[in-house]
C-alpha atoms as a PDB file:
ATOM      1  CA  MET A   1    -196.700  37.806  87.964  1.00  0.00           C
ATOM      2  CA  SER A   2    -194.350  35.598  89.948  1.00  0.00           C
ATOM      3  CA  LEU A   3    -194.079  35.941  93.714  1.00  0.00           C
ATOM      4  CA  ILE A   4    -190.516  35.447  94.931  1.00  0.00           C
ATOM      5  CA  GLU A   5    -190.261  34.555  98.587  1.00  0.00           C
ATOM      6  CA  HIS A   6    -187.406  36.148 100.509  1.00  0.00           C
ATOM      7  CA  ILE A   7    -185.598  34.889 103.574  1.00  0.00           C
ATOM      8  CA  LEU A   8    -183.411  36.629 106.143  1.00  0.00           C
ATOM      9  CA  ILE A   9    -179.787  35.639 106.666  1.00  0.00           C
ATOM     10  CA  THR A  10    -176.800  37.398 108.196  1.00  0.00           C
ATOM     11  CA  VAL A  11    -173.587  38.095 106.325  1.00  0.00           C
ATOM     12  CA  ASN A  12    -170.659  39.030 108.533  1.00  0.00           C
ATOM     13  CA  GLY A  13    -173.127  40.045 111.245  1.00  0.00           C
ATOM     14  CA  GLU A  14    -175.413  42.164 109.051  1.00  0.00           C
ATOM     15  CA  SER A  15    -178.966  41.104 108.173  1.00  0.00           C
ATOM     16  CA  GLN A  16    -179.801  40.596 104.516  1.00  0.00           C
ATOM     17  CA  SER A  17    -182.974  39.632 102.707  1.00  0.00           C
ATOM     18  CA  ILE A  18    -182.309  37.260  99.805  1.00  0.00           C
ATOM     19  CA  PRO A  19    -184.566  35.299  97.441  1.00  0.00           C
ATOM     20  CA  LEU A  20    -185.377  31.766  98.544  1.00  0.00           C
ATOM     21  CA  GLY A  21    -183.021  29.344  96.799  1.00  0.00           C
ATOM     22  CA  THR A  22    -180.017  31.694  96.721  1.00  0.00           C
ATOM     23  CA  SER A  23    -176.630  29.975  96.830  1.00  0.00           C
ATOM     24  CA  LEU A  24    -173.637  30.945  98.925  1.00  0.00           C
ATOM     25  CA  ALA A  25    -171.755  31.661  95.679  1.00  0.00           C
ATOM     26  CA  ALA A  26    -174.431  34.192  94.669  1.00  0.00           C
ATOM     27  CA  VAL A  27    -174.213  35.975  98.031  1.00  0.00           C
ATOM     28  CA  ILE A  28    -170.416  36.206  97.721  1.00  0.00           C
ATOM     29  CA  ALA A  29    -170.710  37.564  94.168  1.00  0.00           C
ATOM     30  CA  ASN A  30    -173.437  40.044  95.194  1.00  0.00           C
ATOM     31  CA  ALA A  31    -171.176  41.330  97.988  1.00  0.00           C
ATOM     32  CA  GLN A  32    -168.565  41.995  95.278  1.00  0.00           C
ATOM     33  CA  LEU A  33    -166.015  39.839  97.086  1.00  0.00           C
ATOM     34  CA  ALA A  34    -163.318  38.071  95.091  1.00  0.00           C
ATOM     35  CA  ALA A  35    -164.379  34.433  95.499  1.00  0.00           C
ATOM     36  CA  GLU A  36    -160.801  33.195  95.337  1.00  0.00           C
ATOM     37  CA  ALA A  37    -159.663  35.676  98.012  1.00  0.00           C
ATOM     38  CA  VAL A  38    -162.042  34.662 100.809  1.00  0.00           C
ATOM     39  CA  ALA A  39    -162.835  31.573 102.818  1.00  0.00           C
ATOM     40  CA  THR A  40    -166.462  31.030 103.809  1.00  0.00           C
ATOM     41  CA  ALA A  41    -168.414  29.468 106.633  1.00  0.00           C
ATOM     42  CA  VAL A  42    -172.139  28.980 107.131  1.00  0.00           C
ATOM     43  CA  ASN A  43    -173.354  28.549 110.705  1.00  0.00           C
ATOM     44  CA  GLY A  44    -169.771  28.019 111.834  1.00  0.00           C
ATOM     45  CA  GLU A  45    -169.009  25.260 109.308  1.00  0.00           C
ATOM     46  CA  PHE A  46    -166.392  25.797 106.601  1.00  0.00           C
ATOM     47  CA  VAL A  47    -167.738  25.686 103.038  1.00  0.00           C
ATOM     48  CA  ALA A  48    -165.132  24.900 100.376  1.00  0.00           C
ATOM     49  CA  ARG A  49    -164.956  27.178  97.341  1.00  0.00           C
ATOM     50  CA  ASN A  50    -166.079  24.335  95.051  1.00  0.00           C
ATOM     51  CA  ASP A  51    -169.188  23.744  97.199  1.00  0.00           C
ATOM     52  CA  ARG A  52    -170.472  27.329  97.327  1.00  0.00           C
ATOM     53  CA  ALA A  53    -172.648  27.098  94.199  1.00  0.00           C
ATOM     54  CA  SER A  54    -174.483  24.048  95.527  1.00  0.00           C
ATOM     55  CA  ARG A  55    -174.857  25.386  99.099  1.00  0.00           C
ATOM     56  CA  GLU A  56    -178.376  26.834  99.157  1.00  0.00           C
ATOM     57  CA  LEU A  57    -178.895  29.226 102.032  1.00  0.00           C
ATOM     58  CA  LEU A  58    -181.814  28.850 104.427  1.00  0.00           C
ATOM     59  CA  ALA A  59    -183.651  31.328 106.639  1.00  0.00           C
ATOM     60  CA  GLY A  60    -181.563  32.229 109.652  1.00  0.00           C
ATOM     61  CA  ASP A  61    -178.237  31.080 108.200  1.00  0.00           C
ATOM     62  CA  ALA A  62    -175.170  33.019 109.347  1.00  0.00           C
ATOM     63  CA  VAL A  63    -172.577  33.513 106.616  1.00  0.00           C
ATOM     64  CA  PHE A  64    -169.043  34.605 107.466  1.00  0.00           C
ATOM     65  CA  THR A  65    -166.196  35.436 105.115  1.00  0.00           C
ATOM     66  CA  PHE A  66    -162.528  35.407 106.055  1.00  0.00           C
ATOM     67  CA  GLN A  67    -159.503  36.746 104.246  1.00  0.00           C
ATOM     68  CA  ALA A  68    -156.207  34.967 104.525  1.00  0.00           C
ATOM     69  CA  ILE A  69    -153.717  36.546 106.883  1.00  0.00           C
ATOM     70  CA  THR A  70    -150.107  36.274 105.858  1.00  0.00           C
ATOM     71  CA  GLY A  71    -146.997  37.270 107.638  1.00  0.00           C
ATOM     72  CA  GLY A  72    -143.884  35.908 109.094  1.00  0.00           C
END
């Protein structure tokens, strides 16, 4: 039996427990957000869409998602 360690992060201000080694892309997919429709930041730093899969989250990270606002 394999023991998977979990860590705590926050996503848009709400605590979540995720497996150690989880990527930002996986968190976005798990939240059922359209990856192309949101911008992301971890600990206040923008993470480009192309970098989400390689951005491994660490204990205590704060993830925020933003939707584009349009208007005129």
